[in-house]
N, C-alpha and C. Protein backbone atom coordinates (compact mmCIF):
# COMPACT_ATOMS: atom_id res chain seq x y z
N MET A 1 159.17 143.02 -86.87
CA MET A 1 158.21 142.59 -88.04
C MET A 1 157.68 141.91 -88.04
N ARG A 2 158.72 139.67 -88.11
CA ARG A 2 157.65 139.49 -87.37
C ARG A 2 156.75 138.70 -87.26
N LYS A 3 156.25 139.76 -86.22
CA LYS A 3 154.97 139.54 -85.23
C LYS A 3 154.07 140.50 -85.82
N LEU A 4 154.14 141.19 -86.19
CA LEU A 4 153.51 142.24 -87.24
C LEU A 4 152.90 141.65 -89.08
N LEU A 5 153.28 140.88 -89.74
CA LEU A 5 153.04 140.38 -90.32
C LEU A 5 151.70 139.23 -90.76
N PRO A 6 152.14 138.03 -89.77
CA PRO A 6 150.38 137.79 -88.95
C PRO A 6 149.00 139.02 -89.45
N LEU A 7 149.50 139.37 -87.93
CA LEU A 7 148.25 140.36 -88.09
C LEU A 7 148.06 141.01 -89.44
N LEU A 8 148.99 141.92 -90.33
CA LEU A 8 148.67 143.07 -91.28
C LEU A 8 147.93 141.84 -92.17
N LEU A 9 148.24 140.58 -91.89
CA LEU A 9 147.48 139.64 -93.11
C LEU A 9 146.58 139.31 -92.99
N ILE A 10 145.83 139.30 -91.87
CA ILE A 10 144.63 138.92 -91.43
C ILE A 10 143.49 140.39 -91.11
N LEU A 11 144.13 141.62 -90.65
CA LEU A 11 144.11 143.22 -91.90
C LEU A 11 143.16 143.19 -93.27
N LEU A 12 144.50 142.51 -93.79
CA LEU A 12 144.01 143.15 -94.90
C LEU A 12 143.26 142.29 -95.45
N GLY A 13 143.09 140.98 -95.58
CA GLY A 13 142.39 139.46 -95.68
C GLY A 13 140.44 140.23 -95.34
N ALA A 14 140.86 140.26 -94.25
CA ALA A 14 139.53 141.38 -93.50
C ALA A 14 138.81 142.44 -94.00
N GLY A 15 139.86 143.09 -94.61
CA GLY A 15 139.01 143.89 -96.00
C GLY A 15 138.95 143.45 -96.85
N ALA A 16 139.81 142.34 -97.45
CA ALA A 16 139.01 142.56 -98.35
C ALA A 16 138.38 141.50 -98.65
N GLY A 17 137.60 140.68 -98.36
CA GLY A 17 136.32 140.11 -97.94
C GLY A 17 134.96 141.46 -97.64
N VAL A 18 135.82 142.28 -96.50
CA VAL A 18 134.27 142.93 -96.32
C VAL A 18 134.07 143.67 -98.24
N GLY A 19 134.76 143.59 -98.86
CA GLY A 19 135.27 145.37 -99.72
C GLY A 19 134.22 144.52 -100.62
N ALA A 20 135.00 143.30 -100.79
CA ALA A 20 134.37 142.36 -101.73
C ALA A 20 132.25 141.90 -101.46
N GLY A 21 131.83 142.00 -100.82
CA GLY A 21 130.90 141.54 -100.15
C GLY A 21 130.07 142.81 -100.61
N PHE A 22 130.53 143.56 -99.72
CA PHE A 22 129.77 145.32 -100.56
C PHE A 22 129.83 145.26 -102.07
N PHE A 23 130.42 144.95 -102.74
CA PHE A 23 130.20 145.47 -104.14
C PHE A 23 129.53 144.01 -104.34
N LEU A 24 129.58 142.89 -104.31
CA LEU A 24 128.85 141.67 -105.33
C LEU A 24 127.22 141.85 -104.22
N ARG A 25 126.82 142.42 -102.77
CA ARG A 25 125.31 142.08 -102.93
C ARG A 25 124.56 142.28 -103.98
N PRO A 26 122.97 141.21 -103.60
CA PRO A 26 122.30 142.05 -104.77
C PRO A 26 122.39 143.18 -104.20
N PRO A 27 121.23 143.33 -105.62
CA PRO A 27 120.53 144.62 -105.29
C PRO A 27 119.33 144.56 -104.47
N PRO A 28 118.63 146.02 -103.52
CA PRO A 28 117.68 146.00 -102.65
C PRO A 28 116.41 145.53 -104.49
N ALA A 29 115.33 144.54 -103.63
CA ALA A 29 114.43 144.07 -103.90
C ALA A 29 113.48 145.67 -105.40
N ALA A 30 113.21 146.55 -104.84
CA ALA A 30 112.75 148.04 -105.22
C ALA A 30 113.22 148.26 -105.92
N ALA A 31 114.89 147.93 -105.91
CA ALA A 31 115.97 148.45 -107.11
C ALA A 31 115.64 147.35 -108.90
N VAL A 32 114.88 146.15 -108.59
CA VAL A 32 115.42 145.21 -108.97
C VAL A 32 113.81 145.70 -110.97
N GLY A 33 113.41 146.11 -110.12
CA GLY A 33 112.51 146.14 -110.57
C GLY A 33 112.22 147.45 -111.32
N ASP A 34 113.33 148.38 -111.13
CA ASP A 34 113.31 150.01 -111.62
C ASP A 34 114.72 150.06 -112.63
N GLU A 35 115.40 149.28 -112.12
CA GLU A 35 116.37 148.17 -113.45
C GLU A 35 116.08 148.24 -114.40
N HIS A 36 114.57 147.66 -114.94
CA HIS A 36 114.88 147.06 -116.29
C HIS A 36 113.42 148.33 -116.55
N GLY A 37 113.05 148.86 -115.95
CA GLY A 37 111.72 150.11 -115.80
C GLY A 37 110.32 149.01 -115.97
N ALA A 38 110.66 148.40 -114.63
CA ALA A 38 108.72 148.07 -115.50
C ALA A 38 108.88 147.46 -113.48
N ASP A 39 108.01 147.88 -113.30
CA ASP A 39 107.06 147.69 -112.19
C ASP A 39 107.27 146.64 -111.40
N PRO A 40 107.31 146.05 -110.66
CA PRO A 40 107.69 144.79 -109.52
C PRO A 40 106.81 144.18 -109.18
N ALA A 41 105.46 145.16 -109.00
CA ALA A 41 103.99 144.97 -108.32
C ALA A 41 103.07 143.43 -109.37
N PRO A 42 103.97 143.40 -110.75
CA PRO A 42 102.32 142.40 -111.69
C PRO A 42 103.29 141.38 -111.51
N GLN A 43 105.30 141.39 -111.64
CA GLN A 43 105.25 139.57 -110.98
C GLN A 43 105.47 139.34 -109.75
N THR A 44 104.50 140.38 -108.82
CA THR A 44 104.29 139.66 -107.65
C THR A 44 102.97 139.06 -107.43
N ALA A 45 102.05 139.73 -108.39
CA ALA A 45 100.67 138.81 -107.90
C ALA A 45 100.69 137.73 -108.68
N ASN A 46 101.41 138.19 -110.22
CA ASN A 46 101.99 136.92 -110.46
C ASN A 46 102.43 134.87 -109.66
N GLU A 47 103.38 135.46 -108.84
CA GLU A 47 104.06 134.40 -108.22
C GLU A 47 102.15 134.53 -107.37
N ALA A 48 101.46 135.35 -106.65
CA ALA A 48 100.33 135.05 -105.85
C ALA A 48 99.69 134.08 -106.59
N ALA A 49 100.12 134.41 -107.50
CA ALA A 49 98.60 133.75 -109.16
C ALA A 49 98.67 132.20 -108.66
N LYS A 50 100.37 131.67 -109.04
CA LYS A 50 100.64 131.09 -109.08
C LYS A 50 100.54 130.38 -107.58
N SER A 51 101.02 130.46 -107.02
CA SER A 51 101.13 129.82 -105.83
C SER A 51 99.62 129.56 -105.42
N ASP A 52 98.76 130.23 -105.46
CA ASP A 52 96.98 129.62 -105.57
C ASP A 52 97.06 128.50 -106.06
N GLN A 53 97.98 128.06 -107.75
CA GLN A 53 97.44 126.95 -108.17
C GLN A 53 98.02 125.28 -107.80
N LEU A 54 99.35 125.57 -106.71
CA LEU A 54 100.04 124.92 -106.42
C LEU A 54 99.28 123.58 -105.64
N PRO A 55 99.86 122.16 -105.57
CA PRO A 55 98.86 121.62 -105.16
C PRO A 55 99.13 121.83 -103.47
N GLU A 56 97.69 120.57 -102.57
CA GLU A 56 98.30 121.07 -101.11
C GLU A 56 98.91 119.56 -100.97
N PHE A 57 100.28 119.36 -100.01
CA PHE A 57 100.42 117.75 -98.99
C PHE A 57 100.31 117.78 -97.76
N VAL A 58 98.63 116.60 -97.74
CA VAL A 58 98.32 116.52 -96.41
C VAL A 58 98.92 115.35 -95.67
N LYS A 59 99.91 115.14 -94.52
CA LYS A 59 100.25 113.97 -93.97
C LYS A 59 99.13 113.59 -93.25
N LEU A 60 98.54 111.95 -93.33
CA LEU A 60 97.41 111.68 -92.22
C LEU A 60 98.13 111.08 -91.37
N THR A 61 97.49 110.98 -90.13
CA THR A 61 97.77 111.24 -88.88
C THR A 61 98.45 110.09 -88.20
N ASN A 62 98.26 108.84 -88.74
CA ASN A 62 98.90 107.88 -88.20
C ASN A 62 99.40 106.98 -89.48
N GLN A 63 99.84 106.44 -89.05
CA GLN A 63 100.28 105.35 -90.02
C GLN A 63 99.41 103.68 -89.78
N PHE A 64 99.24 103.61 -91.24
CA PHE A 64 98.79 102.31 -90.98
C PHE A 64 99.69 100.97 -90.91
N ILE A 65 99.43 99.36 -89.85
CA ILE A 65 99.38 99.06 -90.65
C ILE A 65 98.88 97.61 -90.62
N VAL A 66 99.61 96.97 -91.21
CA VAL A 66 98.90 95.38 -91.37
C VAL A 66 100.00 94.47 -91.20
N PRO A 67 98.65 93.86 -90.91
CA PRO A 67 99.77 92.37 -91.21
C PRO A 67 99.24 91.50 -92.12
N VAL A 68 100.62 90.24 -92.23
CA VAL A 68 100.69 89.82 -93.73
C VAL A 68 100.40 88.52 -92.99
N VAL A 69 99.59 87.41 -93.46
CA VAL A 69 99.14 86.54 -92.42
C VAL A 69 99.22 85.06 -93.48
N GLU A 70 100.06 84.03 -92.96
CA GLU A 70 99.79 83.20 -93.65
C GLU A 70 99.97 81.60 -93.13
N LYS A 71 98.98 80.49 -93.80
CA LYS A 71 98.61 79.21 -93.01
C LYS A 71 98.49 80.47 -91.01
N ASN A 72 96.95 81.09 -91.81
CA ASN A 72 96.43 81.38 -90.00
C ASN A 72 97.08 82.45 -89.09
N ARG A 73 98.24 82.70 -88.76
CA ARG A 73 99.89 83.08 -88.48
C ARG A 73 100.23 84.12 -89.31
N ILE A 74 100.18 84.71 -88.19
CA ILE A 74 100.96 86.04 -88.39
C ILE A 74 102.32 86.06 -89.45
N VAL A 75 103.00 86.28 -90.34
CA VAL A 75 104.13 86.73 -90.78
C VAL A 75 105.11 87.51 -90.21
N SER A 76 104.66 88.49 -90.97
CA SER A 76 105.17 89.85 -90.84
C SER A 76 104.22 91.18 -90.64
N LEU A 77 104.65 92.46 -90.78
CA LEU A 77 103.96 94.36 -89.81
C LEU A 77 104.62 94.85 -91.77
N VAL A 78 102.80 95.36 -92.06
CA VAL A 78 104.01 96.46 -93.22
C VAL A 78 103.45 97.50 -91.96
N ILE A 79 103.91 98.54 -92.68
CA ILE A 79 103.97 99.80 -91.51
C ILE A 79 104.38 101.09 -93.18
N LEU A 80 102.38 101.95 -92.88
CA LEU A 80 102.96 102.67 -94.10
C LEU A 80 102.29 103.93 -93.92
N SER A 81 103.77 105.01 -94.43
CA SER A 81 102.43 106.20 -93.49
C SER A 81 102.32 107.19 -95.24
N LEU A 82 101.47 107.77 -95.38
CA LEU A 82 100.72 108.35 -96.59
C LEU A 82 100.55 109.88 -96.35
N SER A 83 100.44 110.13 -97.12
CA SER A 83 100.21 112.04 -97.98
C SER A 83 99.59 111.73 -99.43
N LEU A 84 97.92 112.79 -98.89
CA LEU A 84 97.45 112.84 -100.19
C LEU A 84 97.54 114.46 -100.36
N GLU A 85 98.02 114.00 -101.98
CA GLU A 85 97.93 115.55 -102.97
C GLU A 85 96.91 115.74 -103.34
N VAL A 86 95.72 117.20 -103.22
CA VAL A 86 94.73 117.61 -103.36
C VAL A 86 95.07 118.75 -104.12
N LYS A 87 93.83 118.83 -104.00
CA LYS A 87 93.70 120.46 -104.30
C LYS A 87 93.96 121.70 -103.51
N PRO A 88 94.30 122.70 -103.77
CA PRO A 88 94.68 124.24 -102.92
C PRO A 88 93.19 124.27 -102.07
N GLY A 89 93.19 123.77 -100.61
CA GLY A 89 92.18 124.29 -100.17
C GLY A 89 91.58 123.07 -99.50
N GLY A 90 91.95 121.97 -99.23
CA GLY A 90 91.70 120.10 -99.23
C GLY A 90 91.94 119.65 -98.81
N THR A 91 92.79 120.79 -97.62
CA THR A 91 92.60 119.92 -96.29
C THR A 91 92.46 119.55 -95.43
N GLU A 92 91.19 120.64 -95.19
CA GLU A 92 90.37 120.61 -94.35
C GLU A 92 89.88 119.55 -94.12
N ARG A 93 88.98 119.62 -95.99
CA ARG A 93 88.42 117.99 -96.35
C ARG A 93 88.53 117.16 -96.04
N VAL A 94 90.06 116.99 -95.98
CA VAL A 94 90.71 115.48 -95.77
C VAL A 94 90.63 115.15 -94.30
N PHE A 95 90.98 116.20 -93.53
CA PHE A 95 91.07 115.39 -92.06
C PHE A 95 89.26 114.93 -91.33
N ALA A 96 88.47 115.89 -92.34
CA ALA A 96 86.90 115.58 -91.99
C ALA A 96 86.46 114.88 -92.23
N GLN A 97 87.21 113.93 -93.21
CA GLN A 97 86.74 113.14 -93.56
C GLN A 97 87.19 110.61 -93.56
N GLU A 98 88.69 112.17 -92.33
CA GLU A 98 89.90 111.20 -92.07
C GLU A 98 89.03 109.55 -91.86
N PRO A 99 88.58 109.74 -90.73
CA PRO A 99 88.62 108.59 -90.30
C PRO A 99 86.86 107.20 -91.25
N LYS A 100 86.24 107.93 -92.34
CA LYS A 100 86.21 107.25 -93.77
C LYS A 100 87.03 106.84 -94.47
N LEU A 101 87.99 107.53 -94.71
CA LEU A 101 88.71 108.06 -95.67
C LEU A 101 90.25 106.35 -95.26
N ARG A 102 90.49 106.40 -93.92
CA ARG A 102 91.38 105.57 -93.25
C ARG A 102 90.65 104.23 -93.29
N ASP A 103 89.07 103.83 -93.88
CA ASP A 103 89.03 102.35 -93.17
C ASP A 103 88.76 102.31 -94.72
N GLY A 104 88.93 103.14 -95.91
CA GLY A 104 88.80 102.81 -97.06
C GLY A 104 90.21 101.73 -97.13
N ILE A 105 91.00 103.00 -96.86
CA ILE A 105 91.94 102.44 -97.32
C ILE A 105 93.26 100.85 -96.29
N LEU A 106 92.59 101.15 -95.37
CA LEU A 106 92.58 99.82 -94.11
C LEU A 106 92.51 98.34 -95.18
N GLN A 107 90.52 98.63 -95.80
CA GLN A 107 90.30 97.75 -96.42
C GLN A 107 91.19 97.60 -97.85
N LEU A 108 91.34 98.28 -98.58
CA LEU A 108 92.53 97.88 -99.63
C LEU A 108 94.24 97.32 -99.19
N LEU A 109 94.52 97.94 -98.19
CA LEU A 109 95.53 97.36 -97.50
C LEU A 109 95.44 95.66 -97.40
N PHE A 110 94.66 95.19 -96.67
CA PHE A 110 93.91 94.26 -96.52
C PHE A 110 94.00 93.44 -97.31
N ASP A 111 93.28 93.56 -98.14
CA ASP A 111 92.93 92.80 -99.66
C ASP A 111 94.29 92.35 -100.34
N HIS A 112 95.34 93.67 -100.64
CA HIS A 112 96.21 93.91 -100.66
C HIS A 112 97.48 92.97 -100.38
N ALA A 113 97.71 93.21 -99.04
CA ALA A 113 97.86 91.27 -98.33
C ALA A 113 97.52 90.34 -98.60
N ASN A 114 95.85 90.29 -98.38
CA ASN A 114 96.24 88.70 -98.32
C ASN A 114 95.85 88.01 -99.90
N THR A 115 96.22 88.96 -101.02
CA THR A 115 96.16 89.13 -102.40
C THR A 115 97.63 88.37 -103.06
N GLY A 116 98.95 89.11 -101.82
CA GLY A 116 100.43 88.93 -101.58
C GLY A 116 101.23 89.93 -102.32
N GLY A 117 100.54 91.57 -101.66
CA GLY A 117 101.30 91.57 -102.69
C GLY A 117 102.26 92.41 -101.65
N PHE A 118 102.55 92.75 -100.07
CA PHE A 118 103.15 92.80 -99.28
C PHE A 118 103.92 91.21 -98.83
N ARG A 119 103.86 89.95 -100.02
CA ARG A 119 105.47 89.46 -99.78
C ARG A 119 106.05 89.38 -101.34
N GLY A 120 107.33 88.75 -100.16
CA GLY A 120 108.28 88.97 -101.17
C GLY A 120 108.89 89.66 -101.65
N SER A 121 108.77 90.39 -102.94
CA SER A 121 109.78 91.00 -103.42
C SER A 121 108.71 92.44 -103.78
N PHE A 122 107.84 93.07 -102.06
CA PHE A 122 107.47 93.61 -102.21
C PHE A 122 107.21 95.57 -102.77
N THR A 123 108.33 96.20 -102.69
CA THR A 123 108.35 96.79 -103.86
C THR A 123 108.50 97.12 -105.28
N ASP A 124 108.95 95.59 -105.83
CA ASP A 124 108.43 96.02 -107.46
C ASP A 124 107.86 96.98 -107.43
N ALA A 125 108.57 97.37 -109.06
CA ALA A 125 107.93 98.50 -109.81
C ALA A 125 105.39 98.14 -109.30
N ASP A 126 106.07 97.11 -109.76
CA ASP A 126 104.55 96.24 -110.37
C ASP A 126 103.54 96.26 -109.01
N ASN A 127 103.90 95.80 -108.32
CA ASN A 127 103.39 95.29 -106.75
C ASN A 127 103.25 97.04 -106.39
N LEU A 128 103.70 98.34 -106.31
CA LEU A 128 103.57 99.18 -106.11
C LEU A 128 102.77 100.13 -107.04
N VAL A 129 102.70 100.18 -108.18
CA VAL A 129 101.38 100.94 -109.68
C VAL A 129 100.37 100.43 -109.48
N ILE A 130 100.00 98.38 -108.54
CA ILE A 130 99.09 98.45 -108.79
C ILE A 130 98.24 98.50 -106.58
N LEU A 131 99.18 99.33 -105.86
CA LEU A 131 98.74 99.62 -104.81
C LEU A 131 97.94 100.71 -104.73
N ARG A 132 99.48 102.06 -105.87
CA ARG A 132 98.96 103.16 -105.32
C ARG A 132 98.01 103.56 -106.60
N ARG A 133 97.31 102.49 -107.34
CA ARG A 133 96.25 102.91 -108.14
C ARG A 133 94.69 102.49 -107.15
N GLY A 134 95.34 101.16 -106.44
CA GLY A 134 93.99 101.44 -105.34
C GLY A 134 93.60 102.50 -105.35
N LEU A 135 95.04 103.10 -103.90
CA LEU A 135 95.14 103.99 -103.01
C LEU A 135 94.54 105.48 -103.91
N LYS A 136 94.65 105.81 -104.93
CA LYS A 136 94.27 106.23 -105.20
C LYS A 136 92.73 106.39 -105.80
N GLU A 137 92.36 105.45 -105.37
CA GLU A 137 90.61 105.10 -106.15
C GLU A 137 90.36 105.14 -105.14
N VAL A 138 90.69 104.91 -103.83
CA VAL A 138 89.77 104.62 -102.14
C VAL A 138 89.77 106.37 -102.26
N ALA A 139 90.76 106.77 -102.54
CA ALA A 139 90.67 108.49 -101.75
C ALA A 139 89.96 109.66 -102.62
N GLN A 140 89.74 108.77 -104.04
CA GLN A 140 88.76 109.34 -104.95
C GLN A 140 87.55 109.20 -104.68
N ARG A 141 87.08 107.87 -104.76
CA ARG A 141 85.80 107.79 -103.81
C ARG A 141 84.84 108.25 -103.03
N VAL A 142 86.11 108.22 -101.57
CA VAL A 142 85.51 109.32 -100.39
C VAL A 142 85.54 110.90 -101.04
N LEU A 143 86.86 111.23 -101.01
CA LEU A 143 86.95 112.82 -101.24
C LEU A 143 86.72 113.69 -102.73
N GLY A 144 86.65 112.61 -103.96
CA GLY A 144 85.80 113.07 -104.93
C GLY A 144 87.77 113.31 -105.91
N ASP A 145 87.67 114.47 -106.80
CA ASP A 145 88.25 114.35 -108.11
C ASP A 145 89.32 115.87 -107.16
N MET A 146 89.72 116.38 -105.96
CA MET A 146 90.02 117.18 -105.32
C MET A 146 91.34 116.38 -104.84
N VAL A 147 91.04 115.08 -105.36
CA VAL A 147 92.95 113.54 -105.02
C VAL A 147 93.23 113.98 -106.30
N LYS A 148 94.53 114.36 -106.48
CA LYS A 148 94.96 113.87 -107.07
C LYS A 148 96.38 112.66 -107.82
N ASP A 149 96.67 112.31 -106.10
CA ASP A 149 97.56 111.26 -105.82
C ASP A 149 97.70 111.14 -104.80
N VAL A 150 97.71 109.68 -103.88
CA VAL A 150 98.38 109.15 -102.96
C VAL A 150 100.00 109.26 -103.06
N LEU A 151 100.86 110.09 -101.78
CA LEU A 151 101.81 109.31 -101.75
C LEU A 151 102.01 108.14 -100.74
N ILE A 152 103.44 107.38 -100.88
CA ILE A 152 103.36 106.28 -99.83
C ILE A 152 104.93 107.60 -99.71
N THR A 153 104.48 107.38 -98.42
CA THR A 153 106.37 108.55 -97.16
C THR A 153 106.94 107.63 -96.86
N ASP A 154 106.16 106.51 -96.67
CA ASP A 154 107.39 105.71 -95.54
C ASP A 154 106.68 103.60 -95.99
N MET A 155 107.63 103.03 -96.13
CA MET A 155 106.95 101.50 -96.04
C MET A 155 108.25 100.98 -95.64
N ILE A 156 107.50 100.15 -94.93
CA ILE A 156 108.53 99.05 -93.93
C ILE A 156 108.13 97.65 -93.60
N ARG A 157 108.35 96.81 -93.95
CA ARG A 157 107.68 95.13 -93.71
C ARG A 157 109.25 94.94 -92.39
N GLN A 158 108.08 94.50 -91.08
CA GLN A 158 109.14 93.43 -90.46
C GLN A 158 108.86 91.72 -90.15
N ASP A 159 110.01 91.28 -90.39
CA ASP A 159 108.99 90.30 -90.23
C ASP A 159 109.74 89.37 -89.37
N SER A 160 108.40 88.28 -88.72
CA SER A 160 108.80 87.39 -87.66
C SER A 160 110.01 86.91 -87.27
């Protein structure tokens, strides 16, 4: 009897799990609309319309490497990865204009480094607001109002 008790408990537990799964499973998708007396098609159409309005996020292909120079010497390197938040359908245009966009962004990053933006507490909120604003202005100058925002996805400073 002692040898059968563990086996009996396992079978009882498995049976209870199967029963609970059967009774607690979600209703099929078609039944959800029928339950409420509504056709599920309008909800699907609304979701499709909403997804058309969602912005796209475009990760620029390469990182940006910016030297920080003091007294004619490179004292550190700042490495950034950026993504653009653009209106739907803007991804192809970003990649088509990426060389011009990278040139403008690099110029801004070099200017930011030369004015001390990457020295000391370079991740300070005030510094990042200035940097993000400048990045957005450059992106909008190249791509127009299709750019909603520029996201700094990675940033590191490597001191020499």
